[in-house]
């Protein structure tokens, strides 16, 4: 059996939140939003949303021993380390290649290898996201196997687990209104206990901005 990897310094806490984000520079993020408001404004929105998500994680950390990791796409390692200091997270890691399911599972496996017993993965495009959401998710993982934050479009904005179940991330019609339903069906097949959080609206398209103006 291979030796278990030691967690990097600062990541020995048993609860880890992983924020999936894109580097907020024009042309590298929010392509659907940029189609309506331009690449510069879309990047500014992405920056604000990412900062909001990290601020929420910091608030939750005041009540829970929590490691905060940002899994980023669209940025190199040197710039990523500079961005980590700006964001104030414990660590920044690459999302890596592949579709959403593969990237989610990669981050879950990494967190579990580092010693986390409860792992929550969350997006970075949630204006309504609050510290109570994170605290509820981690509390629920003390009693159930899977936590899901339903999105209004039929997907999910948060997933929390205590173990790796690859079937939850394969055979899912990512980007469709079937993501939540298919994930819960897979969980049922595995016999996992599931807890739902509140439904949230992603900010992903120009029309989504209307309610936040």
N, C-alpha and C. Protein backbone atom coordinates (compact mmCIF):
# COMPACT_ATOMS: atom_id res chain seq x y z
N UNK A 1 0.86 -1.19 0.00
CA UNK A 1 0.00 0.00 0.00
C UNK A 1 0.89 1.23 0.00
N UNK A 2 0.62 2.22 -0.90
CA UNK A 2 1.47 3.40 -0.94
C UNK A 2 1.31 4.24 0.32
N UNK A 3 2.41 4.91 0.69
CA UNK A 3 2.36 5.77 1.88
C UNK A 3 1.44 6.95 1.63
N UNK A 4 0.72 7.33 2.67
CA UNK A 4 -0.18 8.47 2.56
C UNK A 4 0.62 9.77 2.54
N UNK A 5 0.24 10.67 1.65
CA UNK A 5 0.95 11.93 1.55
C UNK A 5 0.69 12.79 2.79
N UNK A 6 1.72 13.53 3.18
CA UNK A 6 1.55 14.47 4.27
C UNK A 6 0.90 15.75 3.73
N UNK A 7 0.02 16.33 4.52
CA UNK A 7 -0.64 17.57 4.11
C UNK A 7 0.36 18.72 4.13
N UNK A 8 0.25 19.65 3.18
CA UNK A 8 1.09 20.84 3.23
C UNK A 8 0.83 21.62 4.51
N UNK A 9 1.81 22.42 4.90
CA UNK A 9 1.67 23.22 6.11
C UNK A 9 0.41 24.07 6.04
N UNK A 10 -0.32 24.11 7.15
CA UNK A 10 -1.53 24.92 7.21
C UNK A 10 -2.77 24.21 6.72
N UNK A 11 -2.62 22.94 6.27
CA UNK A 11 -3.79 22.24 5.74
C UNK A 11 -4.08 20.96 6.52
N UNK A 12 -3.80 20.96 7.81
CA UNK A 12 -4.03 19.78 8.62
C UNK A 12 -5.43 19.76 9.22
N UNK A 13 -6.22 20.79 8.99
CA UNK A 13 -7.57 20.81 9.55
C UNK A 13 -8.43 19.77 8.85
N UNK A 14 -9.37 19.19 9.59
CA UNK A 14 -10.16 18.10 9.02
C UNK A 14 -11.29 18.58 8.13
N UNK A 15 -11.56 19.88 8.12
CA UNK A 15 -12.58 20.45 7.24
C UNK A 15 -11.90 21.33 6.22
N UNK A 16 -12.17 21.08 4.94
CA UNK A 16 -11.55 21.88 3.88
C UNK A 16 -12.62 22.34 2.89
N UNK A 17 -12.61 23.64 2.60
CA UNK A 17 -13.46 24.17 1.56
C UNK A 17 -12.59 24.50 0.36
N UNK A 18 -13.05 24.07 -0.80
CA UNK A 18 -12.34 24.29 -2.05
C UNK A 18 -13.20 25.20 -2.92
N UNK A 19 -12.68 26.38 -3.24
CA UNK A 19 -13.38 27.34 -4.09
C UNK A 19 -12.86 27.18 -5.51
N UNK A 20 -13.74 26.82 -6.44
CA UNK A 20 -13.35 26.70 -7.83
C UNK A 20 -13.55 28.04 -8.52
N UNK A 21 -12.48 28.57 -9.10
CA UNK A 21 -12.53 29.91 -9.66
C UNK A 21 -11.68 29.99 -10.92
N UNK A 22 -11.98 30.99 -11.74
CA UNK A 22 -11.14 31.33 -12.88
C UNK A 22 -10.44 32.65 -12.58
N UNK A 23 -9.24 32.78 -13.09
CA UNK A 23 -8.50 34.02 -12.91
C UNK A 23 -9.27 35.16 -13.56
N UNK A 24 -9.58 36.23 -12.81
CA UNK A 24 -10.47 37.27 -13.33
C UNK A 24 -9.75 38.32 -14.18
N UNK A 25 -9.33 37.90 -15.37
CA UNK A 25 -8.74 38.84 -16.32
C UNK A 25 -9.58 38.80 -17.60
N UNK A 26 -9.68 39.93 -18.31
CA UNK A 26 -10.52 39.98 -19.51
C UNK A 26 -10.15 38.91 -20.52
N UNK A 27 -11.18 38.21 -20.99
CA UNK A 27 -11.00 37.19 -22.00
C UNK A 27 -10.72 35.80 -21.46
N UNK A 28 -10.54 35.65 -20.14
CA UNK A 28 -10.24 34.34 -19.56
C UNK A 28 -11.31 33.85 -18.59
N UNK A 29 -12.38 34.57 -18.47
CA UNK A 29 -13.42 34.18 -17.51
C UNK A 29 -14.78 34.70 -17.99
N UNK A 30 -15.84 34.09 -17.46
CA UNK A 30 -17.21 34.56 -17.68
C UNK A 30 -17.52 34.84 -19.15
N UNK A 31 -17.26 33.87 -20.01
CA UNK A 31 -17.46 34.09 -21.44
C UNK A 31 -18.92 34.34 -21.79
N UNK A 32 -19.84 33.66 -21.11
CA UNK A 32 -21.26 33.89 -21.40
C UNK A 32 -21.71 35.27 -20.93
N UNK A 33 -21.21 35.68 -19.79
CA UNK A 33 -21.53 37.02 -19.30
C UNK A 33 -20.89 38.08 -20.19
N UNK A 34 -19.66 37.83 -20.62
CA UNK A 34 -18.93 38.79 -21.45
C UNK A 34 -19.64 39.05 -22.77
N UNK A 35 -20.38 38.06 -23.27
CA UNK A 35 -21.12 38.24 -24.51
C UNK A 35 -22.16 39.34 -24.44
N UNK A 36 -22.60 39.69 -23.22
CA UNK A 36 -23.60 40.73 -23.06
C UNK A 36 -23.07 42.04 -22.51
N UNK A 37 -21.97 41.99 -21.73
CA UNK A 37 -21.50 43.21 -21.07
C UNK A 37 -20.04 43.54 -21.39
N UNK A 38 -19.37 42.70 -22.18
CA UNK A 38 -17.98 42.95 -22.53
C UNK A 38 -17.02 42.23 -21.60
N UNK A 39 -15.81 41.96 -22.13
CA UNK A 39 -14.87 41.14 -21.37
C UNK A 39 -14.32 41.86 -20.14
N UNK A 40 -14.16 43.19 -20.22
CA UNK A 40 -13.61 43.92 -19.06
C UNK A 40 -14.58 43.92 -17.90
N UNK A 41 -15.85 44.21 -18.17
CA UNK A 41 -16.85 44.23 -17.10
C UNK A 41 -17.08 42.83 -16.54
N UNK A 42 -17.07 41.84 -17.43
CA UNK A 42 -17.25 40.46 -16.97
C UNK A 42 -16.13 40.05 -16.03
N UNK A 43 -14.89 40.45 -16.35
CA UNK A 43 -13.77 40.13 -15.47
C UNK A 43 -13.91 40.83 -14.12
N UNK A 44 -14.40 42.06 -14.14
CA UNK A 44 -14.61 42.80 -12.89
C UNK A 44 -15.66 42.11 -12.02
N UNK A 45 -16.72 41.62 -12.66
CA UNK A 45 -17.75 40.88 -11.93
C UNK A 45 -17.15 39.61 -11.32
N UNK A 46 -16.33 38.89 -12.10
CA UNK A 46 -15.70 37.68 -11.59
C UNK A 46 -14.80 37.98 -10.39
N UNK A 47 -14.07 39.08 -10.47
CA UNK A 47 -13.21 39.47 -9.35
C UNK A 47 -14.03 39.73 -8.09
N UNK A 48 -15.12 40.49 -8.24
CA UNK A 48 -15.97 40.80 -7.09
C UNK A 48 -16.56 39.53 -6.48
N UNK A 49 -17.04 38.63 -7.33
CA UNK A 49 -17.66 37.41 -6.85
C UNK A 49 -16.64 36.51 -6.14
N UNK A 50 -15.44 36.42 -6.69
CA UNK A 50 -14.41 35.60 -6.04
C UNK A 50 -14.03 36.17 -4.69
N UNK A 51 -13.86 37.48 -4.63
CA UNK A 51 -13.54 38.12 -3.35
C UNK A 51 -14.66 37.91 -2.34
N UNK A 52 -15.91 37.98 -2.81
CA UNK A 52 -17.05 37.73 -1.92
C UNK A 52 -17.01 36.30 -1.37
N UNK A 53 -16.73 35.34 -2.25
CA UNK A 53 -16.69 33.94 -1.82
C UNK A 53 -15.61 33.71 -0.78
N UNK A 54 -14.44 34.31 -0.98
CA UNK A 54 -13.35 34.15 -0.01
C UNK A 54 -13.66 34.87 1.30
N UNK A 55 -14.37 36.00 1.22
CA UNK A 55 -14.78 36.70 2.45
C UNK A 55 -15.76 35.85 3.25
N UNK A 56 -16.66 35.17 2.56
CA UNK A 56 -17.60 34.27 3.23
C UNK A 56 -16.85 33.13 3.91
N UNK A 57 -15.88 32.56 3.21
CA UNK A 57 -15.10 31.47 3.81
C UNK A 57 -14.36 31.96 5.05
N UNK A 58 -13.84 33.18 5.00
CA UNK A 58 -13.16 33.74 6.17
C UNK A 58 -14.11 33.92 7.34
N UNK A 59 -15.34 34.33 7.06
CA UNK A 59 -16.34 34.46 8.12
C UNK A 59 -16.65 33.11 8.74
N UNK A 60 -16.78 32.08 7.89
CA UNK A 60 -17.07 30.74 8.42
C UNK A 60 -15.92 30.23 9.26
N UNK A 61 -14.70 30.60 8.89
CA UNK A 61 -13.52 30.13 9.63
C UNK A 61 -13.48 30.69 11.04
N UNK A 62 -14.19 31.77 11.29
CA UNK A 62 -14.26 32.30 12.65
C UNK A 62 -15.02 31.36 13.57
N UNK A 63 -15.86 30.48 13.00
CA UNK A 63 -16.67 29.56 13.81
C UNK A 63 -16.25 28.10 13.64
N UNK A 64 -15.36 27.82 12.70
CA UNK A 64 -15.02 26.45 12.37
C UNK A 64 -13.56 26.37 11.96
N UNK A 65 -12.83 25.38 12.48
CA UNK A 65 -11.44 25.16 12.06
C UNK A 65 -11.46 24.66 10.62
N UNK A 66 -11.10 25.54 9.71
CA UNK A 66 -11.38 25.33 8.30
C UNK A 66 -10.19 25.74 7.46
N UNK A 67 -9.79 24.88 6.54
CA UNK A 67 -8.78 25.24 5.54
C UNK A 67 -9.49 25.74 4.29
N UNK A 68 -8.95 26.81 3.70
CA UNK A 68 -9.55 27.41 2.52
C UNK A 68 -8.57 27.30 1.36
N UNK A 69 -8.96 26.56 0.33
CA UNK A 69 -8.14 26.33 -0.86
C UNK A 69 -8.88 26.88 -2.07
N UNK A 70 -8.16 27.59 -2.92
CA UNK A 70 -8.72 28.04 -4.19
C UNK A 70 -8.14 27.16 -5.30
N UNK A 71 -9.01 26.51 -6.06
CA UNK A 71 -8.61 25.74 -7.23
C UNK A 71 -8.88 26.61 -8.45
N UNK A 72 -7.81 27.03 -9.11
CA UNK A 72 -7.93 28.07 -10.12
C UNK A 72 -7.64 27.54 -11.52
N UNK A 73 -8.28 28.14 -12.50
CA UNK A 73 -8.02 27.86 -13.91
C UNK A 73 -7.64 29.17 -14.59
N UNK A 74 -6.80 29.06 -15.63
CA UNK A 74 -6.48 30.23 -16.44
C UNK A 74 -5.33 31.06 -15.92
N UNK A 75 -4.44 30.50 -15.08
CA UNK A 75 -3.36 31.27 -14.49
C UNK A 75 -2.16 30.36 -14.27
N UNK A 76 -0.96 30.92 -14.39
CA UNK A 76 0.26 30.18 -14.13
C UNK A 76 0.63 30.18 -12.67
N UNK A 77 1.63 29.37 -12.30
CA UNK A 77 1.96 29.20 -10.88
C UNK A 77 2.49 30.46 -10.20
N UNK A 78 3.30 31.27 -10.90
CA UNK A 78 3.85 32.48 -10.28
C UNK A 78 2.75 33.49 -9.99
N UNK A 79 1.92 33.75 -11.01
CA UNK A 79 0.80 34.69 -10.82
C UNK A 79 -0.18 34.14 -9.80
N UNK A 80 -0.37 32.83 -9.78
CA UNK A 80 -1.29 32.22 -8.82
C UNK A 80 -0.85 32.47 -7.40
N UNK A 81 0.46 32.38 -7.14
CA UNK A 81 0.95 32.61 -5.79
C UNK A 81 0.75 34.07 -5.37
N UNK A 82 0.93 35.00 -6.29
CA UNK A 82 0.67 36.41 -5.98
C UNK A 82 -0.80 36.61 -5.67
N UNK A 83 -1.65 35.96 -6.45
CA UNK A 83 -3.10 36.09 -6.25
C UNK A 83 -3.51 35.50 -4.91
N UNK A 84 -2.84 34.43 -4.50
CA UNK A 84 -3.16 33.81 -3.21
C UNK A 84 -3.01 34.81 -2.08
N UNK A 85 -1.96 35.61 -2.11
CA UNK A 85 -1.76 36.60 -1.06
C UNK A 85 -2.85 37.66 -1.09
N UNK A 86 -3.30 38.02 -2.30
CA UNK A 86 -4.37 39.01 -2.41
C UNK A 86 -5.68 38.45 -1.85
N UNK A 87 -5.93 37.16 -2.11
CA UNK A 87 -7.19 36.56 -1.68
C UNK A 87 -7.18 36.19 -0.20
N UNK A 88 -6.02 35.90 0.34
CA UNK A 88 -5.94 35.52 1.75
C UNK A 88 -6.34 34.08 2.03
N UNK A 89 -6.22 33.21 1.03
CA UNK A 89 -6.56 31.80 1.25
C UNK A 89 -5.33 31.05 1.74
N UNK A 90 -5.52 29.83 2.23
CA UNK A 90 -4.42 29.03 2.72
C UNK A 90 -3.52 28.53 1.60
N UNK A 91 -4.13 28.23 0.48
CA UNK A 91 -3.39 27.62 -0.62
C UNK A 91 -4.13 27.84 -1.92
N UNK A 92 -3.38 27.90 -3.03
CA UNK A 92 -4.00 27.96 -4.34
C UNK A 92 -3.41 26.83 -5.17
N UNK A 93 -4.28 26.08 -5.85
CA UNK A 93 -3.86 24.92 -6.63
C UNK A 93 -4.49 24.99 -8.01
N UNK A 94 -3.90 24.35 -9.01
CA UNK A 94 -4.53 24.33 -10.34
C UNK A 94 -5.72 23.38 -10.38
N UNK A 95 -6.74 23.78 -11.11
CA UNK A 95 -7.86 22.86 -11.32
C UNK A 95 -7.45 21.68 -12.19
N UNK A 96 -6.56 21.91 -13.14
CA UNK A 96 -6.15 20.86 -14.06
C UNK A 96 -7.08 20.77 -15.25
N UNK A 97 -6.73 19.88 -16.16
CA UNK A 97 -7.48 19.74 -17.41
C UNK A 97 -8.72 18.88 -17.21
N UNK A 98 -9.59 18.91 -18.24
CA UNK A 98 -10.75 18.04 -18.25
C UNK A 98 -12.05 18.76 -17.97
N UNK A 99 -13.14 18.02 -18.08
CA UNK A 99 -14.46 18.57 -17.82
C UNK A 99 -14.70 18.83 -16.35
N UNK A 100 -15.86 19.40 -16.06
CA UNK A 100 -16.16 19.79 -14.68
C UNK A 100 -16.13 18.60 -13.74
N UNK A 101 -16.72 17.48 -14.13
CA UNK A 101 -16.75 16.32 -13.26
C UNK A 101 -15.36 15.84 -12.88
N UNK A 102 -14.46 15.81 -13.86
CA UNK A 102 -13.09 15.38 -13.60
C UNK A 102 -12.38 16.35 -12.68
N UNK A 103 -12.61 17.66 -12.89
CA UNK A 103 -11.94 18.66 -12.05
C UNK A 103 -12.47 18.63 -10.61
N UNK A 104 -13.76 18.42 -10.45
CA UNK A 104 -14.32 18.30 -9.11
C UNK A 104 -13.75 17.09 -8.39
N UNK A 105 -13.73 15.96 -9.07
CA UNK A 105 -13.23 14.74 -8.42
C UNK A 105 -11.74 14.87 -8.10
N UNK A 106 -10.99 15.53 -8.97
CA UNK A 106 -9.56 15.72 -8.71
C UNK A 106 -9.34 16.51 -7.41
N UNK A 107 -10.12 17.56 -7.22
CA UNK A 107 -9.96 18.37 -6.01
C UNK A 107 -10.43 17.62 -4.76
N UNK A 108 -11.48 16.83 -4.90
CA UNK A 108 -11.95 16.02 -3.77
C UNK A 108 -10.88 15.02 -3.35
N UNK A 109 -10.31 14.32 -4.33
CA UNK A 109 -9.26 13.34 -4.02
C UNK A 109 -8.06 14.01 -3.35
N UNK A 110 -7.66 15.16 -3.87
CA UNK A 110 -6.52 15.86 -3.28
C UNK A 110 -6.77 16.22 -1.82
N UNK A 111 -7.96 16.78 -1.54
CA UNK A 111 -8.28 17.18 -0.17
C UNK A 111 -8.30 15.98 0.77
N UNK A 112 -8.87 14.87 0.31
CA UNK A 112 -8.92 13.68 1.16
C UNK A 112 -7.52 13.12 1.40
N UNK A 113 -6.66 13.13 0.38
CA UNK A 113 -5.28 12.67 0.57
C UNK A 113 -4.54 13.53 1.59
N UNK A 114 -4.88 14.80 1.64
CA UNK A 114 -4.22 15.71 2.58
C UNK A 114 -4.73 15.59 4.01
N UNK A 115 -5.72 14.71 4.21
CA UNK A 115 -6.19 14.45 5.56
C UNK A 115 -7.54 15.05 5.91
N UNK A 116 -8.17 15.75 4.97
CA UNK A 116 -9.50 16.30 5.25
C UNK A 116 -10.51 15.17 5.40
N UNK A 117 -11.38 15.30 6.37
CA UNK A 117 -12.45 14.32 6.59
C UNK A 117 -13.79 14.81 6.07
N UNK A 118 -13.92 16.11 5.95
CA UNK A 118 -15.12 16.71 5.36
C UNK A 118 -14.66 17.74 4.33
N UNK A 119 -15.11 17.57 3.09
CA UNK A 119 -14.67 18.43 2.00
C UNK A 119 -15.89 19.05 1.33
N UNK A 120 -15.86 20.36 1.19
CA UNK A 120 -16.92 21.09 0.50
C UNK A 120 -16.31 21.81 -0.69
N UNK A 121 -16.88 21.59 -1.87
CA UNK A 121 -16.46 22.27 -3.08
C UNK A 121 -17.56 23.24 -3.49
N UNK A 122 -17.17 24.48 -3.77
CA UNK A 122 -18.17 25.51 -4.06
C UNK A 122 -17.68 26.36 -5.22
N UNK A 123 -18.63 26.87 -6.01
CA UNK A 123 -18.30 27.76 -7.10
C UNK A 123 -18.02 29.17 -6.62
N UNK A 124 -17.65 30.03 -7.56
CA UNK A 124 -17.29 31.41 -7.20
C UNK A 124 -18.15 32.42 -7.95
N UNK A 125 -19.40 32.08 -8.19
CA UNK A 125 -20.30 32.99 -8.92
C UNK A 125 -21.65 33.10 -8.23
N UNK A 126 -21.60 33.27 -6.88
CA UNK A 126 -22.81 33.19 -6.06
C UNK A 126 -22.98 34.45 -5.22
N UNK A 127 -23.72 35.44 -5.71
CA UNK A 127 -23.91 36.67 -4.93
C UNK A 127 -24.58 36.46 -3.59
N UNK A 128 -25.44 35.43 -3.46
CA UNK A 128 -26.18 35.20 -2.22
C UNK A 128 -25.44 34.29 -1.24
N UNK A 129 -24.29 33.79 -1.61
CA UNK A 129 -23.53 32.87 -0.77
C UNK A 129 -23.20 33.53 0.56
N UNK A 130 -23.40 32.79 1.66
CA UNK A 130 -23.14 33.36 2.99
C UNK A 130 -22.48 32.32 3.89
N UNK A 131 -21.92 32.79 5.00
CA UNK A 131 -21.20 31.91 5.92
C UNK A 131 -22.09 30.79 6.45
N UNK A 132 -23.37 31.11 6.64
CA UNK A 132 -24.29 30.08 7.15
C UNK A 132 -24.38 28.88 6.20
N UNK A 133 -24.26 29.13 4.90
CA UNK A 133 -24.28 28.03 3.93
C UNK A 133 -23.14 27.05 4.20
N UNK A 134 -21.94 27.58 4.39
CA UNK A 134 -20.79 26.71 4.65
C UNK A 134 -20.92 25.99 5.98
N UNK A 135 -21.34 26.71 7.01
CA UNK A 135 -21.47 26.08 8.33
C UNK A 135 -22.52 24.98 8.30
N UNK A 136 -23.62 25.20 7.59
CA UNK A 136 -24.65 24.17 7.47
C UNK A 136 -24.13 22.96 6.71
N UNK A 137 -23.34 23.21 5.66
CA UNK A 137 -22.82 22.10 4.86
C UNK A 137 -21.89 21.22 5.69
N UNK A 138 -20.96 21.84 6.41
CA UNK A 138 -20.02 21.05 7.21
C UNK A 138 -20.73 20.36 8.38
N UNK A 139 -21.72 21.02 8.97
CA UNK A 139 -22.47 20.38 10.05
C UNK A 139 -23.24 19.17 9.53
N UNK A 140 -23.82 19.31 8.33
CA UNK A 140 -24.58 18.19 7.76
C UNK A 140 -23.68 17.00 7.47
N UNK A 141 -22.40 17.25 7.11
CA UNK A 141 -21.49 16.15 6.81
C UNK A 141 -21.08 15.36 8.04
N UNK A 142 -21.46 15.82 9.21
CA UNK A 142 -21.25 15.02 10.42
C UNK A 142 -22.31 13.94 10.56
N UNK A 143 -23.41 14.09 9.79
CA UNK A 143 -24.54 13.16 9.93
C UNK A 143 -24.93 12.48 8.63
N UNK A 144 -24.44 12.98 7.49
CA UNK A 144 -24.82 12.38 6.22
C UNK A 144 -23.60 12.26 5.31
N UNK A 145 -23.78 11.60 4.17
CA UNK A 145 -22.66 11.31 3.28
C UNK A 145 -22.43 12.40 2.23
N UNK A 146 -23.50 13.08 1.85
CA UNK A 146 -23.43 14.00 0.71
C UNK A 146 -24.29 15.22 0.98
N UNK A 147 -23.74 16.40 0.72
CA UNK A 147 -24.49 17.64 0.82
C UNK A 147 -24.49 18.31 -0.55
N UNK A 148 -25.65 18.79 -0.98
CA UNK A 148 -25.78 19.46 -2.27
C UNK A 148 -26.47 20.80 -2.09
N UNK A 149 -25.95 21.82 -2.74
CA UNK A 149 -26.60 23.12 -2.80
C UNK A 149 -27.26 23.26 -4.16
N UNK A 150 -28.56 23.11 -4.27
CA UNK A 150 -29.23 23.16 -5.57
C UNK A 150 -29.15 24.55 -6.20
N UNK A 151 -28.88 24.58 -7.49
CA UNK A 151 -28.92 25.83 -8.25
C UNK A 151 -30.27 25.94 -8.96
N UNK A 152 -30.68 27.17 -9.21
CA UNK A 152 -31.99 27.38 -9.81
C UNK A 152 -32.08 26.86 -11.24
N UNK A 153 -30.94 26.61 -11.87
CA UNK A 153 -30.95 26.12 -13.25
C UNK A 153 -30.92 24.60 -13.35
N UNK A 154 -31.04 23.90 -12.22
CA UNK A 154 -31.04 22.44 -12.24
C UNK A 154 -29.70 21.81 -11.95
N UNK A 155 -28.69 22.63 -11.72
CA UNK A 155 -27.38 22.11 -11.33
C UNK A 155 -27.20 22.20 -9.83
N UNK A 156 -25.95 22.29 -9.40
CA UNK A 156 -25.70 22.56 -7.99
C UNK A 156 -24.53 23.52 -7.86
N UNK A 157 -24.59 24.33 -6.80
CA UNK A 157 -23.54 25.32 -6.57
C UNK A 157 -22.56 24.88 -5.49
N UNK A 158 -22.88 23.81 -4.79
CA UNK A 158 -22.02 23.27 -3.74
C UNK A 158 -22.21 21.77 -3.67
N UNK A 159 -21.11 21.08 -3.44
CA UNK A 159 -21.16 19.65 -3.15
C UNK A 159 -20.19 19.36 -2.02
N UNK A 160 -20.66 18.60 -1.04
CA UNK A 160 -19.82 18.25 0.10
C UNK A 160 -19.84 16.74 0.31
N UNK A 161 -18.67 16.18 0.64
CA UNK A 161 -18.54 14.74 0.79
C UNK A 161 -17.54 14.41 1.90
N UNK A 162 -17.64 13.18 2.40
CA UNK A 162 -16.69 12.68 3.38
C UNK A 162 -15.81 11.57 2.79
N UNK A 163 -16.10 11.16 1.56
CA UNK A 163 -15.33 10.11 0.89
C UNK A 163 -15.47 10.30 -0.61
N UNK A 164 -14.59 9.66 -1.35
CA UNK A 164 -14.60 9.78 -2.80
C UNK A 164 -15.55 8.75 -3.41
N UNK A 165 -16.50 9.23 -4.18
CA UNK A 165 -17.44 8.36 -4.90
C UNK A 165 -17.43 8.78 -6.36
N UNK A 166 -16.55 8.22 -7.19
CA UNK A 166 -16.39 8.67 -8.57
C UNK A 166 -17.66 8.66 -9.39
N UNK A 167 -18.60 7.77 -9.07
CA UNK A 167 -19.82 7.69 -9.87
C UNK A 167 -20.64 8.98 -9.79
N UNK A 168 -20.44 9.77 -8.75
CA UNK A 168 -21.18 11.03 -8.63
C UNK A 168 -20.71 12.05 -9.66
N UNK A 169 -19.57 11.82 -10.27
CA UNK A 169 -18.99 12.79 -11.19
C UNK A 169 -18.87 12.28 -12.61
N UNK A 170 -19.35 11.07 -12.86
CA UNK A 170 -19.27 10.50 -14.20
C UNK A 170 -20.67 10.24 -14.74
N UNK A 171 -20.83 10.38 -16.05
CA UNK A 171 -22.13 10.16 -16.67
C UNK A 171 -23.14 11.25 -16.36
N UNK A 172 -22.67 12.42 -15.94
CA UNK A 172 -23.53 13.55 -15.61
C UNK A 172 -23.57 14.50 -16.81
N UNK A 173 -24.74 14.98 -17.15
CA UNK A 173 -24.89 15.91 -18.28
C UNK A 173 -24.56 17.33 -17.81
N UNK A 174 -23.27 17.59 -17.62
CA UNK A 174 -22.82 18.87 -17.09
C UNK A 174 -23.30 20.03 -17.95
N UNK A 175 -23.75 21.09 -17.30
CA UNK A 175 -24.25 22.26 -18.01
C UNK A 175 -25.73 22.18 -18.35
N UNK A 176 -26.37 21.06 -18.04
CA UNK A 176 -27.79 20.90 -18.32
C UNK A 176 -28.61 21.08 -17.05
N UNK A 177 -29.94 21.04 -17.20
CA UNK A 177 -30.83 21.15 -16.05
C UNK A 177 -31.04 19.79 -15.36
N UNK A 178 -30.24 18.79 -15.74
CA UNK A 178 -30.37 17.45 -15.17
C UNK A 178 -29.27 17.12 -14.16
N UNK A 179 -28.34 18.04 -13.95
CA UNK A 179 -27.16 17.73 -13.13
C UNK A 179 -27.55 17.32 -11.70
N UNK A 180 -28.38 18.11 -11.05
CA UNK A 180 -28.77 17.79 -9.67
C UNK A 180 -29.52 16.46 -9.62
N UNK A 181 -30.48 16.28 -10.51
CA UNK A 181 -31.28 15.06 -10.50
C UNK A 181 -30.40 13.84 -10.74
N UNK A 182 -29.51 13.90 -11.71
CA UNK A 182 -28.65 12.76 -12.00
C UNK A 182 -27.69 12.47 -10.85
N UNK A 183 -27.20 13.51 -10.21
CA UNK A 183 -26.30 13.31 -9.07
C UNK A 183 -27.03 12.64 -7.91
N UNK A 184 -28.24 13.08 -7.64
CA UNK A 184 -29.01 12.46 -6.55
C UNK A 184 -29.40 11.03 -6.90
N UNK A 185 -29.66 10.75 -8.16
CA UNK A 185 -29.94 9.37 -8.57
C UNK A 185 -28.72 8.48 -8.34
N UNK A 186 -27.54 8.99 -8.70
CA UNK A 186 -26.31 8.24 -8.48
C UNK A 186 -26.09 8.00 -6.99
N UNK A 187 -26.37 9.01 -6.17
CA UNK A 187 -26.22 8.86 -4.73
C UNK A 187 -27.17 7.81 -4.18
N UNK A 188 -28.38 7.79 -4.70
CA UNK A 188 -29.35 6.79 -4.26
C UNK A 188 -28.88 5.39 -4.60
N UNK A 189 -28.32 5.23 -5.79
CA UNK A 189 -27.79 3.93 -6.21
C UNK A 189 -26.69 3.45 -5.27
N UNK A 190 -25.89 4.40 -4.78
CA UNK A 190 -24.80 4.07 -3.86
C UNK A 190 -25.28 3.89 -2.42
N UNK A 191 -26.53 4.26 -2.14
CA UNK A 191 -27.05 4.18 -0.78
C UNK A 191 -26.55 5.30 0.12
N UNK A 192 -26.19 6.44 -0.47
CA UNK A 192 -25.70 7.56 0.32
C UNK A 192 -26.85 8.37 0.90
N UNK A 193 -26.64 8.88 2.09
CA UNK A 193 -27.60 9.82 2.68
C UNK A 193 -27.27 11.22 2.19
N UNK A 194 -28.32 11.97 1.83
CA UNK A 194 -28.14 13.25 1.15
C UNK A 194 -28.87 14.35 1.91
N UNK A 195 -28.25 15.51 2.00
CA UNK A 195 -28.88 16.70 2.58
C UNK A 195 -28.81 17.83 1.55
N UNK A 196 -29.92 18.49 1.33
CA UNK A 196 -29.97 19.65 0.44
C UNK A 196 -29.89 20.94 1.24
N UNK A 197 -29.16 21.91 0.70
CA UNK A 197 -29.14 23.25 1.25
C UNK A 197 -30.15 24.11 0.49
N UNK A 198 -30.13 25.42 0.74
CA UNK A 198 -31.04 26.34 0.06
C UNK A 198 -30.68 26.46 -1.42
N UNK A 199 -31.68 26.72 -2.23
CA UNK A 199 -31.47 26.94 -3.66
C UNK A 199 -30.85 28.32 -3.86
N UNK A 200 -29.85 28.40 -4.74
CA UNK A 200 -29.16 29.65 -5.03
C UNK A 200 -29.13 29.90 -6.55
N UNK A 201 -29.03 31.17 -6.91
CA UNK A 201 -28.95 31.58 -8.31
C UNK A 201 -27.51 31.92 -8.66
N UNK A 202 -26.94 31.21 -9.63
CA UNK A 202 -25.62 31.58 -10.14
C UNK A 202 -25.70 32.89 -10.92
N UNK A 203 -24.61 33.62 -10.95
CA UNK A 203 -24.52 34.79 -11.82
C UNK A 203 -23.61 34.41 -12.98
N UNK A 204 -24.23 34.03 -14.08
CA UNK A 204 -23.47 33.44 -15.18
C UNK A 204 -23.77 34.06 -16.53
N UNK A 205 -24.97 34.65 -16.66
CA UNK A 205 -25.40 35.21 -17.94
C UNK A 205 -25.83 36.65 -17.75
N UNK A 206 -25.88 37.44 -18.84
CA UNK A 206 -26.27 38.85 -18.71
C UNK A 206 -27.61 39.04 -17.99
N UNK A 207 -28.57 38.17 -18.25
CA UNK A 207 -29.88 38.30 -17.62
C UNK A 207 -29.84 38.13 -16.12
N UNK A 208 -28.81 37.39 -15.62
CA UNK A 208 -28.69 37.17 -14.17
C UNK A 208 -28.32 38.44 -13.43
N UNK A 209 -27.80 39.43 -14.15
CA UNK A 209 -27.37 40.67 -13.49
C UNK A 209 -28.54 41.54 -13.05
N UNK A 210 -29.70 41.36 -13.67
CA UNK A 210 -30.80 42.27 -13.42
C UNK A 210 -31.20 42.33 -11.96
N UNK A 211 -31.22 41.19 -11.29
CA UNK A 211 -31.67 41.16 -9.89
C UNK A 211 -30.62 41.72 -8.93
N UNK A 212 -29.38 41.93 -9.41
CA UNK A 212 -28.32 42.43 -8.53
C UNK A 212 -28.00 43.89 -8.75
N UNK A 213 -28.68 44.53 -9.70
CA UNK A 213 -28.41 45.95 -9.96
C UNK A 213 -29.15 46.82 -8.97
